[in-house]
């Protein structure tokens, strides 16, 4: 998986609370002030502060140190009426990032200035609009996006409910989630959007996506109902021809997952349900995974879940539904009907 963590910014939503006085410093470290954050002024691209003496101060966002810029983004996101396209992990497409592409033998993108997307949360407006991990954002409508600051002002000036065009570059031969390959045994990480990028056919393509920003309150509500896992599957066979479903996945949340339940629905290649054990049972097979998955991490390789479909030997298509997830803090996520994750298909 291509994942770059240097110069990583989180553009996110956080719980609301009143702002406190803190020490603010400029990028040079020469100037500092004890003040409270009031608001972000999009028009002047400045930060409005109030000192302990009650004086109103306006500071250019670009003049602040990185820590204070991140604080401003988080504080501004606490406004429930603020427009947002969701929590994104973004990396400036600097020369050091291009070097990572070269070392990993990725094709080089046409645009050498922009933002590399590390992660897009499920259920967010960005995800609904088709934005994927490893996409490179280079423009929003007619506004070039070359830096985090460009992105901040472009998204903060959006109007809730109004569609916007996001111009991206994407590896052409991958559409997430990537599916585990029956051979070799180890399934792909479904969040790895560019696994096949070393193939000669891989290249970057420009795409135009449409996103509709929502209010922070609407996105927070949607994210609570969104599936906390991304899953993908593949089908193998054991030595006597019984299908085995392998499932790999990624924890999309900030909490560790201790267990999850999936439902596997078995079909033949004509999409007719395959009933187990002589047709006397359902085509639905429950399966549970009970190993800890750390926050924002994947489980692949030796940690994947493998389900042997005894009694379903004619199944060549298996649809995977996520039913229940248990977290280490005791909380749970569940869906009575199950949320569709992926379709695993046999190569036979």
Protein backbone atom coordinates (compact mmCIF):
# COMPACT_ATOMS: atom_id res chain seq x y z
CA UNK A 1 0.00 0.00 0.00
CA UNK A 2 1.20 3.46 -0.83
CA UNK A 3 0.82 5.52 2.33
CA UNK A 4 2.84 8.66 2.97
CA UNK A 5 2.73 10.13 6.47
CA UNK A 6 5.15 13.06 6.23
CA UNK A 7 3.53 16.49 5.97
CA UNK A 8 0.17 14.86 6.72
CA UNK A 9 -2.80 17.10 7.46
CA UNK A 10 -6.11 15.94 8.88
CA UNK A 11 -9.04 18.09 7.71
CA UNK A 12 -11.64 16.83 10.12
CA UNK A 13 -14.66 17.21 12.35
CA UNK A 14 -14.29 17.17 16.13
CA UNK A 15 -16.72 17.57 19.05
CA UNK A 16 -17.79 21.10 19.82
CA UNK A 17 -16.57 22.95 22.91
CA UNK A 18 -15.66 26.51 23.85
CA UNK A 19 -12.21 27.72 22.85
CA UNK A 20 -9.66 28.45 25.55
CA UNK A 21 -6.76 30.88 25.74
CA UNK A 22 -3.53 29.43 24.40
CA UNK A 23 -0.14 30.55 23.14
CA UNK A 24 -0.05 31.41 19.44
CA UNK A 25 3.23 31.70 17.53
CA UNK A 26 4.18 32.68 14.02
CA UNK A 27 6.11 30.38 11.69
CA UNK A 28 9.44 31.99 12.61
CA UNK A 29 8.88 31.52 16.34
CA UNK A 30 9.84 35.13 17.06
CA UNK A 31 6.36 36.37 17.89
CA UNK A 32 3.80 34.94 20.30
CA UNK A 33 0.55 35.94 21.97
CA UNK A 34 -1.87 34.55 24.54
CA UNK A 35 -5.26 34.63 22.87
CA UNK A 36 -8.50 32.77 22.19
CA UNK A 37 -9.61 31.64 18.75
CA UNK A 38 -12.78 33.38 17.54
CA UNK A 39 -13.25 32.53 13.88
CA UNK A 40 -11.63 31.93 10.53
CA UNK A 41 -12.16 34.79 8.06
CA UNK A 42 -12.33 33.17 4.61
CA UNK A 43 -12.48 36.44 2.70
CA UNK A 44 -9.27 37.88 4.18
CA UNK A 45 -7.67 34.46 4.76
CA UNK A 46 -6.92 35.44 8.33
CA UNK A 47 -7.51 34.12 11.84
CA UNK A 48 -9.48 36.28 14.27
CA UNK A 49 -8.22 36.11 17.87
CA UNK A 50 -9.11 37.80 21.16
CA UNK A 51 -6.32 38.49 23.65
CA UNK A 52 -6.75 38.22 27.40
CA UNK A 53 -6.91 42.04 27.46
CA UNK A 54 -9.94 41.86 25.15
CA UNK A 55 -8.14 43.15 22.07
CA UNK A 56 -9.25 41.77 18.69
CA UNK A 57 -6.33 40.58 16.55
CA UNK A 58 -6.28 39.41 12.91
CA UNK A 59 -3.37 37.18 11.87
CA UNK A 60 -2.76 35.86 8.35
CA UNK A 61 -3.32 32.09 8.36
CA UNK A 62 -0.13 31.56 6.32
CA UNK A 63 1.95 33.32 8.99
CA UNK A 64 1.03 30.85 11.74
CA UNK A 65 3.16 27.84 12.65
CA UNK A 66 1.88 24.43 11.50
CA UNK A 67 0.61 23.47 14.98
CA UNK A 68 -1.54 26.61 15.16
CA UNK A 69 -2.82 26.13 11.60
CA UNK A 70 -4.00 22.62 12.50
CA UNK A 71 -5.61 23.96 15.68
CA UNK A 72 -7.50 26.57 13.63
CA UNK A 73 -8.78 23.93 11.19
CA UNK A 74 -10.02 21.74 14.04
CA UNK A 75 -11.55 24.67 15.93
CA UNK A 76 -13.31 25.95 12.82
CA UNK A 77 -14.66 22.46 12.17
CA UNK A 78 -16.46 22.55 15.51
CA UNK A 79 -18.99 24.94 14.03
CA UNK A 80 -21.96 22.70 13.31
CA UNK A 81 -23.04 24.93 10.41
CA UNK A 82 -19.60 24.84 8.75
CA UNK A 83 -19.52 23.34 5.21
CA UNK A 84 -17.44 20.20 4.80
CA UNK A 85 -16.86 17.33 2.40
CA UNK A 86 -15.62 15.10 5.23
CA UNK A 87 -12.50 14.06 7.09
CA UNK A 88 -9.62 13.67 4.66
CA UNK A 89 -5.97 12.78 5.14
CA UNK A 90 -3.99 14.94 2.70
CA UNK A 91 -0.32 15.19 1.77
CA UNK A 92 1.25 18.01 -0.22
CA UNK A 93 2.64 16.61 -3.48
CA UNK A 94 6.18 17.77 -2.77
CA UNK A 95 9.36 16.47 -4.51
CA UNK A 96 9.89 14.05 -1.61
CA UNK A 97 6.51 12.47 -2.37
CA UNK A 98 7.36 12.16 -6.07
CA UNK A 99 10.54 10.36 -4.97
CA UNK A 100 8.37 7.83 -3.12
CA UNK A 101 6.47 7.16 -6.35
CA UNK A 102 9.79 6.52 -8.13
CA UNK A 103 11.12 4.20 -5.41
CA UNK A 104 7.90 2.18 -5.42
CA UNK A 105 7.98 2.10 -9.24
CA UNK A 106 4.71 3.98 -9.60
CA UNK A 107 4.07 5.86 -12.83
CA UNK A 108 4.56 9.58 -12.25
CA UNK A 109 1.48 11.84 -12.29
CA UNK A 110 1.13 14.59 -14.86
CA UNK A 111 0.46 17.20 -12.18
CA UNK A 112 3.48 17.69 -9.94
CA UNK A 113 1.63 20.14 -7.68
CA UNK A 114 -1.45 19.12 -5.74
CA UNK A 115 -2.62 17.10 -2.75
CA UNK A 116 -2.32 13.34 -2.44
CA UNK A 117 -5.33 11.78 -0.70
CA UNK A 118 -4.30 9.19 1.88
CA UNK A 119 -7.75 8.31 3.17
CA UNK A 120 -11.42 9.10 2.51
CA UNK A 121 -13.95 8.08 5.20
CA UNK A 122 -16.93 6.01 4.15
CA UNK A 123 -20.20 7.94 4.16
CA UNK A 124 -18.62 11.38 3.74
CA UNK A 125 -19.61 13.73 0.87
CA UNK A 126 -16.14 13.18 -0.61
CA UNK A 127 -16.64 9.41 -0.61
CA UNK A 128 -20.16 9.71 -2.00
CA UNK A 129 -18.79 11.92 -4.77
CA UNK A 130 -16.27 9.23 -5.77
CA UNK A 131 -13.02 10.49 -4.22
CA UNK A 132 -10.58 7.64 -3.50
CA UNK A 133 -7.38 7.10 -1.61
CA UNK A 134 -4.26 7.79 -3.74
CA UNK A 135 -6.20 10.30 -5.86
CA UNK A 136 -4.36 13.57 -6.48
CA UNK A 137 -6.51 16.69 -6.12
CA UNK A 138 -5.26 19.48 -8.38
CA UNK A 139 -8.31 21.78 -8.67
CA UNK A 140 -11.71 22.55 -7.16
CA UNK A 141 -13.94 24.19 -9.76
CA UNK A 142 -11.66 26.80 -11.36
CA UNK A 143 -9.37 27.11 -8.33
CA UNK A 144 -5.96 25.38 -8.59
CA UNK A 145 -5.14 23.29 -5.51
CA UNK A 146 -1.39 23.07 -4.88
CA UNK A 147 -1.12 23.42 -1.10
CA UNK A 148 -3.08 22.60 2.03
CA UNK A 149 -3.89 26.29 2.36
CA UNK A 150 -5.40 26.35 -1.15
CA UNK A 151 -7.61 23.42 -0.14
CA UNK A 152 -8.64 25.05 3.15
CA UNK A 153 -9.87 28.24 1.52
CA UNK A 154 -11.55 26.43 -1.35
CA UNK A 155 -13.53 24.13 0.95
CA UNK A 156 -14.26 26.72 3.65
CA UNK A 157 -15.82 29.02 1.05
CA UNK A 158 -18.18 26.30 -0.23
CA UNK A 159 -21.95 26.62 0.12
CA UNK A 160 -23.84 23.76 1.76
CA UNK A 161 -25.90 21.77 -0.75
CA UNK A 162 -24.24 23.32 -3.83
CA UNK A 163 -22.35 20.93 -6.18
CA UNK A 164 -18.64 21.50 -6.81
CA UNK A 165 -16.26 19.93 -9.32
CA UNK A 166 -13.12 18.27 -7.95
CA UNK A 167 -10.44 17.56 -10.55
CA UNK A 168 -8.20 14.61 -9.73
CA UNK A 169 -5.65 12.25 -11.22
CA UNK A 170 -6.12 8.54 -10.55
CA UNK A 171 -4.29 5.30 -11.36
CA UNK A 172 -6.30 4.05 -14.34
CA UNK A 173 -6.36 0.30 -13.75
CA UNK A 174 -7.55 0.36 -10.14
CA UNK A 175 -11.05 1.08 -8.81
CA UNK A 176 -11.32 0.70 -5.01
CA UNK A 177 -11.82 -1.40 -3.12
CA UNK A 178 -9.17 -3.68 -4.66
CA UNK A 179 -10.16 -7.33 -4.47
CA UNK A 180 -7.99 -10.10 -3.01
CA UNK A 181 -6.43 -12.23 -5.70
CA UNK A 182 -7.12 -15.98 -5.48
CA UNK A 183 -3.40 -16.56 -6.10
CA UNK A 184 -1.22 -16.02 -4.18
CA UNK A 185 -3.03 -16.82 -0.92
CA UNK A 186 -2.51 -13.42 0.73
CA UNK A 187 -5.43 -11.08 -0.15
CA UNK A 188 -4.86 -7.50 -1.13
CA UNK A 189 -5.53 -4.70 1.31
CA UNK A 190 -8.89 -3.25 0.06
CA UNK A 191 -7.67 0.29 0.84
CA UNK A 192 -4.66 -0.20 -1.46
CA UNK A 193 -5.85 1.61 -4.57
CA UNK A 194 -2.64 1.25 -6.59
CA UNK A 195 -1.52 -2.33 -5.95
CA UNK A 196 -1.05 -3.06 -9.63
CA UNK A 197 0.65 0.19 -10.46
CA UNK A 198 3.90 -1.53 -11.39
CA UNK A 199 2.16 -3.16 -14.34
CA UNK A 200 3.02 -1.63 -17.68
CA UNK A 201 -0.62 -0.71 -18.35
CA UNK A 202 -0.89 1.42 -15.20
CA UNK A 203 -1.10 5.15 -15.84
CA UNK A 204 -2.66 8.26 -14.38
CA UNK A 205 -5.97 9.50 -15.76
CA UNK A 206 -7.71 12.79 -15.11
CA UNK A 207 -11.23 12.58 -13.69
CA UNK A 208 -13.86 15.16 -12.80
CA UNK A 209 -15.85 14.37 -9.67
CA UNK A 210 -18.89 16.14 -8.26
CA UNK A 211 -19.21 16.62 -4.50
CA UNK A 212 -21.95 18.30 -2.51
CA UNK A 213 -20.77 19.67 0.84
CA UNK A 214 -22.96 19.19 3.90
CA UNK A 215 -22.99 20.90 7.26
CA UNK A 216 -20.67 19.56 9.93
CA UNK A 217 -23.71 18.40 11.90
CA UNK A 218 -25.05 16.42 8.91
CA UNK A 219 -21.69 14.79 8.20
CA UNK A 220 -21.17 13.89 11.87
CA UNK A 221 -24.57 12.19 11.90
CA UNK A 222 -23.87 10.36 8.64
CA UNK A 223 -20.47 9.19 9.85
CA UNK A 224 -22.01 7.66 12.98
CA UNK A 225 -24.17 5.45 10.75
CA UNK A 226 -21.44 4.63 8.23
CA UNK A 227 -19.86 1.14 8.27
CA UNK A 228 -16.68 1.20 10.40
CA UNK A 229 -14.96 -1.37 8.16
CA UNK A 230 -14.07 -1.66 4.49
CA UNK A 231 -13.93 -5.29 3.33
CA UNK A 232 -13.04 -7.14 0.13
CA UNK A 233 -12.96 -10.86 -0.66
CA UNK A 234 -11.67 -13.54 -2.98
CA UNK A 235 -12.44 -17.25 -3.49
CA UNK A 236 -9.97 -20.13 -3.35
CA UNK A 237 -10.56 -23.89 -3.31
CA UNK A 238 -9.16 -26.53 -0.99
CA UNK A 239 -7.75 -29.86 -2.21
CA UNK A 240 -11.21 -31.46 -2.53
CA UNK A 241 -12.83 -28.59 -4.39
CA UNK A 242 -14.64 -26.86 -1.50
CA UNK A 243 -14.68 -23.07 -1.95
CA UNK A 244 -12.88 -20.96 0.63
CA UNK A 245 -13.65 -17.25 0.98
CA UNK A 246 -10.78 -15.00 2.05
CA UNK A 247 -11.60 -11.56 3.40
CA UNK A 248 -9.22 -8.66 3.95
CA UNK A 249 -10.16 -5.28 5.32
CA UNK A 250 -9.40 -1.97 6.94
CA UNK A 251 -10.62 -0.37 10.17
CA UNK A 252 -11.87 3.10 9.16
CA UNK A 253 -12.38 4.39 12.71
CA UNK A 254 -10.25 5.86 15.48
CA UNK A 255 -11.07 2.93 17.79
CA UNK A 256 -9.71 -0.62 17.90
CA UNK A 257 -12.09 -3.32 16.68
CA UNK A 258 -12.16 -6.56 18.70
CA UNK A 259 -14.64 -8.56 16.60
CA UNK A 260 -16.97 -8.33 13.62
CA UNK A 261 -19.63 -10.49 12.00
CA UNK A 262 -20.22 -10.89 8.28
CA UNK A 263 -22.87 -12.72 6.30
CA UNK A 264 -21.80 -14.56 3.15
CA UNK A 265 -24.53 -15.06 0.55
CA UNK A 266 -23.73 -17.88 -1.88
CA UNK A 267 -24.74 -17.98 -5.55
CA UNK A 268 -23.83 -19.89 -8.70
CA UNK A 269 -22.50 -18.11 -11.78
CA UNK A 270 -26.11 -17.50 -12.91
CA UNK A 271 -26.78 -15.59 -9.67
CA UNK A 272 -29.08 -18.37 -8.45
CA UNK A 273 -28.88 -18.93 -4.66
CA UNK A 274 -26.88 -21.99 -3.67
CA UNK A 275 -28.54 -23.75 -0.73
CA UNK A 276 -26.35 -25.76 1.59
CA UNK A 277 -26.54 -29.45 2.42
CA UNK A 278 -28.89 -30.75 -0.25
CA UNK A 279 -30.98 -27.61 -0.53
CA UNK A 280 -32.40 -27.83 3.00
CA UNK A 281 -30.66 -24.70 4.28
CA UNK A 282 -30.33 -21.02 3.39
CA UNK A 283 -27.69 -19.62 1.05
CA UNK A 284 -26.54 -17.34 3.90
CA UNK A 285 -23.45 -18.26 5.92
CA UNK A 286 -22.50 -16.25 9.04
CA UNK A 287 -18.83 -15.79 9.93
CA UNK A 288 -17.07 -14.05 12.81
CA UNK A 289 -13.58 -12.55 13.11
CA UNK A 290 -12.25 -12.13 16.67
CA UNK A 291 -8.76 -10.66 16.38
CA UNK A 292 -8.03 -7.05 17.35
CA UNK A 293 -7.75 -4.59 14.46
CA UNK A 294 -6.01 -1.39 15.48
CA UNK A 295 -7.50 2.02 14.68
CA UNK A 296 -7.04 3.12 11.05
CA UNK A 297 -5.21 -0.10 10.18
CA UNK A 298 -5.65 -3.01 7.80
CA UNK A 299 -5.76 -6.76 8.33
CA UNK A 300 -4.27 -8.84 5.54
CA UNK A 301 -1.98 -11.81 5.04
CA UNK A 302 -1.88 -14.17 8.03
CA UNK A 303 -4.54 -12.10 9.81
CA UNK A 304 -7.21 -12.44 7.14
CA UNK A 305 -10.47 -14.28 7.72
CA UNK A 306 -10.95 -17.56 5.81
CA UNK A 307 -14.34 -19.28 5.62
CA UNK A 308 -14.64 -22.80 4.21
CA UNK A 309 -18.04 -23.21 2.55
CA UNK A 310 -18.72 -26.89 3.29
CA UNK A 311 -22.00 -27.88 1.70
CA UNK A 312 -21.82 -25.02 -0.81
CA UNK A 313 -19.47 -26.65 -3.33
CA UNK A 314 -21.30 -25.19 -6.35
CA UNK A 315 -21.01 -21.60 -5.11
CA UNK A 316 -18.90 -19.47 -7.45
CA UNK A 317 -20.17 -16.04 -6.40
CA UNK A 318 -20.24 -14.89 -2.76
CA UNK A 319 -21.63 -11.53 -1.67
CA UNK A 320 -20.19 -10.16 1.58
CA UNK A 321 -22.35 -8.16 4.01
CA UNK A 322 -21.13 -6.55 7.23
CA UNK A 323 -23.58 -7.21 10.08
CA UNK A 324 -21.96 -6.24 13.37
CA UNK A 325 -18.77 -4.69 14.76
CA UNK A 326 -17.58 -4.62 18.38
CA UNK A 327 -15.05 -2.04 19.62
CA UNK A 328 -12.53 -2.24 22.44
CA UNK A 329 -14.43 0.40 24.45
CA UNK A 330 -17.49 -1.87 24.59
CA UNK A 331 -19.51 0.02 21.98
CA UNK A 332 -21.01 -1.67 18.93
CA UNK A 333 -22.13 -0.94 15.38
CA UNK A 334 -24.76 -3.13 13.75
CA UNK A 335 -27.07 -3.41 10.77
CA UNK A 336 -30.03 -5.80 10.80
CA UNK A 337 -30.01 -6.21 7.01
CA UNK A 338 -26.24 -5.97 6.69
CA UNK A 339 -24.26 -3.47 4.61
CA UNK A 340 -22.95 -4.73 1.28
CA UNK A 341 -19.14 -4.78 1.13
CA UNK A 342 -17.98 -6.76 -1.90
CA UNK A 343 -18.63 -9.67 -4.29
CA UNK A 344 -16.06 -12.49 -4.35
CA UNK A 345 -15.94 -14.58 -7.53
CA UNK A 346 -14.28 -17.89 -8.27
CA UNK A 347 -11.91 -18.15 -11.21
CA UNK A 348 -13.19 -21.60 -12.20
